[in-house]
């Protein structure tokens, strides 16, 4: 069993959940749906072609926001 780090953000009418340890994401109409979908997607990733070597351990995660000129 591994602990994963993830973020959830709103995009249009949906909440998007994105795992920070492996390149897997999901979405849902509610935060809970997005989180549950991500847990299932990560599990399926490792049942399929995903390898534990793909797992990036993250001790600490921070969320930041800055303005840039683009």
N, C-alpha and C. Protein backbone atom coordinates (compact mmCIF):
# COMPACT_ATOMS: atom_id res chain seq x y z
N UNK A 1 0.85 -1.17 0.00
CA UNK A 1 0.00 0.00 0.00
C UNK A 1 0.89 1.24 0.00
N UNK A 2 0.57 2.20 -0.85
CA UNK A 2 1.35 3.43 -0.96
C UNK A 2 0.45 4.63 -0.74
N UNK A 3 1.05 5.67 -0.22
CA UNK A 3 0.35 6.94 -0.04
C UNK A 3 0.59 7.78 -1.28
N UNK A 4 -0.49 8.30 -1.89
CA UNK A 4 -0.32 9.14 -3.07
C UNK A 4 -0.69 10.58 -2.75
N UNK A 5 -0.08 11.47 -3.51
CA UNK A 5 -0.38 12.89 -3.42
C UNK A 5 -1.13 13.26 -4.70
N UNK A 6 -2.14 14.12 -4.57
CA UNK A 6 -2.92 14.51 -5.73
C UNK A 6 -3.47 15.91 -5.53
N UNK A 7 -3.87 16.52 -6.64
CA UNK A 7 -4.53 17.82 -6.59
C UNK A 7 -5.89 17.67 -7.27
N UNK A 8 -6.81 18.50 -6.86
CA UNK A 8 -8.13 18.56 -7.51
C UNK A 8 -8.41 20.03 -7.80
N UNK A 9 -8.80 20.30 -9.03
CA UNK A 9 -9.14 21.66 -9.41
C UNK A 9 -10.36 21.65 -10.31
N UNK A 10 -11.04 22.78 -10.37
CA UNK A 10 -12.26 22.87 -11.17
C UNK A 10 -11.92 23.39 -12.56
N UNK A 11 -12.42 22.70 -13.56
CA UNK A 11 -12.23 23.09 -14.95
C UNK A 11 -13.60 23.04 -15.62
N UNK A 12 -14.17 24.21 -15.87
CA UNK A 12 -15.52 24.25 -16.43
C UNK A 12 -16.52 23.71 -15.43
N UNK A 13 -17.31 22.72 -15.84
CA UNK A 13 -18.32 22.12 -14.96
C UNK A 13 -17.80 20.91 -14.20
N UNK A 14 -16.53 20.55 -14.37
CA UNK A 14 -15.99 19.32 -13.78
C UNK A 14 -14.83 19.62 -12.83
N UNK A 15 -14.63 18.68 -11.90
CA UNK A 15 -13.46 18.69 -11.05
C UNK A 15 -12.47 17.70 -11.63
N UNK A 16 -11.23 18.12 -11.78
CA UNK A 16 -10.17 17.28 -12.33
C UNK A 16 -9.25 16.89 -11.18
N UNK A 17 -8.94 15.61 -11.09
CA UNK A 17 -8.01 15.12 -10.07
C UNK A 17 -6.77 14.60 -10.79
N UNK A 18 -5.62 14.99 -10.30
CA UNK A 18 -4.37 14.61 -10.94
C UNK A 18 -3.39 14.09 -9.90
N UNK A 19 -2.89 12.89 -10.13
CA UNK A 19 -1.93 12.27 -9.23
C UNK A 19 -0.56 12.89 -9.48
N UNK A 20 0.18 13.18 -8.43
CA UNK A 20 1.51 13.75 -8.56
C UNK A 20 2.60 12.68 -8.59
N UNK A 21 2.27 11.46 -8.16
CA UNK A 21 3.26 10.38 -8.10
C UNK A 21 3.41 9.63 -9.42
N UNK A 22 2.34 9.52 -10.18
CA UNK A 22 2.35 8.90 -11.51
C UNK A 22 1.48 9.74 -12.42
N UNK A 23 1.68 9.61 -13.71
CA UNK A 23 0.96 10.43 -14.68
C UNK A 23 -0.43 9.85 -14.94
N UNK A 24 -1.33 10.06 -13.97
CA UNK A 24 -2.70 9.55 -14.04
C UNK A 24 -3.64 10.66 -13.56
N UNK A 25 -4.77 10.80 -14.24
CA UNK A 25 -5.75 11.79 -13.82
C UNK A 25 -7.16 11.26 -14.04
N UNK A 26 -8.14 11.94 -13.49
CA UNK A 26 -9.54 11.58 -13.65
C UNK A 26 -10.36 12.85 -13.47
N UNK A 27 -11.68 12.71 -13.51
CA UNK A 27 -12.54 13.86 -13.32
C UNK A 27 -13.90 13.40 -12.82
N UNK A 28 -14.71 14.34 -12.36
CA UNK A 28 -16.06 14.04 -11.91
C UNK A 28 -16.85 15.32 -11.75
N UNK A 29 -18.15 15.16 -11.60
CA UNK A 29 -19.01 16.33 -11.40
C UNK A 29 -18.90 16.89 -9.99
N UNK A 30 -18.38 16.09 -9.05
CA UNK A 30 -18.15 16.54 -7.68
C UNK A 30 -16.70 16.24 -7.30
N UNK A 31 -16.25 16.86 -6.22
CA UNK A 31 -14.90 16.59 -5.73
C UNK A 31 -14.75 15.12 -5.37
N UNK A 32 -15.76 14.57 -4.71
CA UNK A 32 -15.71 13.16 -4.30
C UNK A 32 -15.64 12.23 -5.52
N UNK A 33 -16.41 12.52 -6.55
CA UNK A 33 -16.36 11.70 -7.78
C UNK A 33 -14.98 11.77 -8.41
N UNK A 34 -14.39 12.96 -8.43
CA UNK A 34 -13.05 13.12 -9.01
C UNK A 34 -12.02 12.34 -8.21
N UNK A 35 -12.13 12.37 -6.88
CA UNK A 35 -11.19 11.65 -6.03
C UNK A 35 -11.36 10.14 -6.18
N UNK A 36 -12.59 9.67 -6.15
CA UNK A 36 -12.84 8.23 -6.29
C UNK A 36 -12.38 7.73 -7.66
N UNK A 37 -12.63 8.53 -8.70
CA UNK A 37 -12.18 8.16 -10.04
C UNK A 37 -10.67 8.07 -10.12
N UNK A 38 -9.98 8.96 -9.43
CA UNK A 38 -8.51 8.94 -9.44
C UNK A 38 -7.99 7.70 -8.72
N UNK A 39 -8.57 7.36 -7.58
CA UNK A 39 -8.13 6.17 -6.85
C UNK A 39 -8.28 4.92 -7.72
N UNK A 40 -9.40 4.83 -8.43
CA UNK A 40 -9.62 3.69 -9.32
C UNK A 40 -8.63 3.71 -10.49
N UNK A 41 -8.40 4.88 -11.07
CA UNK A 41 -7.49 4.99 -12.22
C UNK A 41 -6.06 4.63 -11.84
N UNK A 42 -5.61 5.06 -10.66
CA UNK A 42 -4.26 4.72 -10.21
C UNK A 42 -4.15 3.22 -9.97
N UNK A 43 -5.16 2.62 -9.35
CA UNK A 43 -5.15 1.16 -9.14
C UNK A 43 -5.10 0.42 -10.46
N UNK A 44 -5.90 0.84 -11.42
CA UNK A 44 -5.91 0.19 -12.74
C UNK A 44 -4.58 0.39 -13.47
N UNK A 45 -3.97 1.55 -13.27
CA UNK A 45 -2.67 1.81 -13.88
C UNK A 45 -1.65 0.76 -13.45
N UNK A 46 -1.62 0.46 -12.16
CA UNK A 46 -0.64 -0.50 -11.66
C UNK A 46 -1.05 -1.95 -11.94
N UNK A 47 -2.33 -2.21 -12.18
CA UNK A 47 -2.76 -3.55 -12.58
C UNK A 47 -2.38 -3.81 -14.04
N UNK A 48 -2.30 -2.75 -14.84
CA UNK A 48 -1.99 -2.88 -16.26
C UNK A 48 -0.49 -2.82 -16.51
N UNK A 49 -0.10 -1.92 -17.38
CA UNK A 49 1.29 -1.83 -17.80
C UNK A 49 2.16 -1.00 -16.85
N UNK A 50 1.56 -0.32 -15.90
CA UNK A 50 2.33 0.51 -14.98
C UNK A 50 3.22 -0.33 -14.09
N UNK A 51 4.37 0.21 -13.77
CA UNK A 51 5.34 -0.48 -12.94
C UNK A 51 5.58 0.34 -11.68
N UNK A 52 5.94 -0.32 -10.59
CA UNK A 52 6.27 0.42 -9.38
C UNK A 52 7.46 1.33 -9.60
N UNK A 53 8.28 1.05 -10.63
CA UNK A 53 9.40 1.92 -10.97
C UNK A 53 8.90 3.28 -11.46
N UNK A 54 7.65 3.35 -11.94
CA UNK A 54 7.06 4.61 -12.41
C UNK A 54 6.63 5.51 -11.25
N UNK A 55 6.54 4.96 -10.05
CA UNK A 55 6.04 5.69 -8.88
C UNK A 55 7.10 6.64 -8.36
N UNK A 56 6.78 7.91 -8.32
CA UNK A 56 7.68 8.94 -7.80
C UNK A 56 7.28 9.25 -6.36
N UNK A 57 8.09 8.82 -5.38
CA UNK A 57 7.75 9.12 -3.99
C UNK A 57 7.85 10.64 -3.74
N UNK A 58 6.86 11.19 -3.08
CA UNK A 58 6.83 12.62 -2.75
C UNK A 58 6.63 12.75 -1.25
N UNK A 59 7.60 13.35 -0.58
CA UNK A 59 7.51 13.52 0.87
C UNK A 59 6.62 14.69 1.24
N UNK A 60 6.71 15.78 0.47
CA UNK A 60 5.98 16.98 0.81
C UNK A 60 5.50 17.64 -0.47
N UNK A 61 4.29 18.15 -0.46
CA UNK A 61 3.74 18.83 -1.63
C UNK A 61 3.18 20.18 -1.21
N UNK A 62 3.38 21.17 -2.07
CA UNK A 62 2.85 22.51 -1.82
C UNK A 62 2.14 22.97 -3.09
N UNK A 63 1.15 23.79 -2.93
CA UNK A 63 0.44 24.37 -4.05
C UNK A 63 0.74 25.85 -4.07
N UNK A 64 1.17 26.35 -5.23
CA UNK A 64 1.52 27.75 -5.34
C UNK A 64 0.77 28.41 -6.49
N UNK A 65 0.76 29.72 -6.46
CA UNK A 65 0.14 30.49 -7.53
C UNK A 65 0.91 31.79 -7.68
N UNK A 66 1.35 32.09 -8.89
CA UNK A 66 2.03 33.33 -9.20
C UNK A 66 1.52 33.87 -10.53
N UNK A 67 1.62 35.17 -10.71
CA UNK A 67 1.25 35.81 -11.97
C UNK A 67 2.50 35.90 -12.85
N UNK A 68 2.35 35.59 -14.15
CA UNK A 68 3.44 35.76 -15.09
C UNK A 68 2.92 36.45 -16.34
N UNK A 69 3.80 37.11 -17.05
CA UNK A 69 3.43 37.75 -18.31
C UNK A 69 3.58 36.75 -19.44
N UNK A 70 2.47 36.43 -20.10
CA UNK A 70 2.53 35.53 -21.26
C UNK A 70 1.70 36.12 -22.38
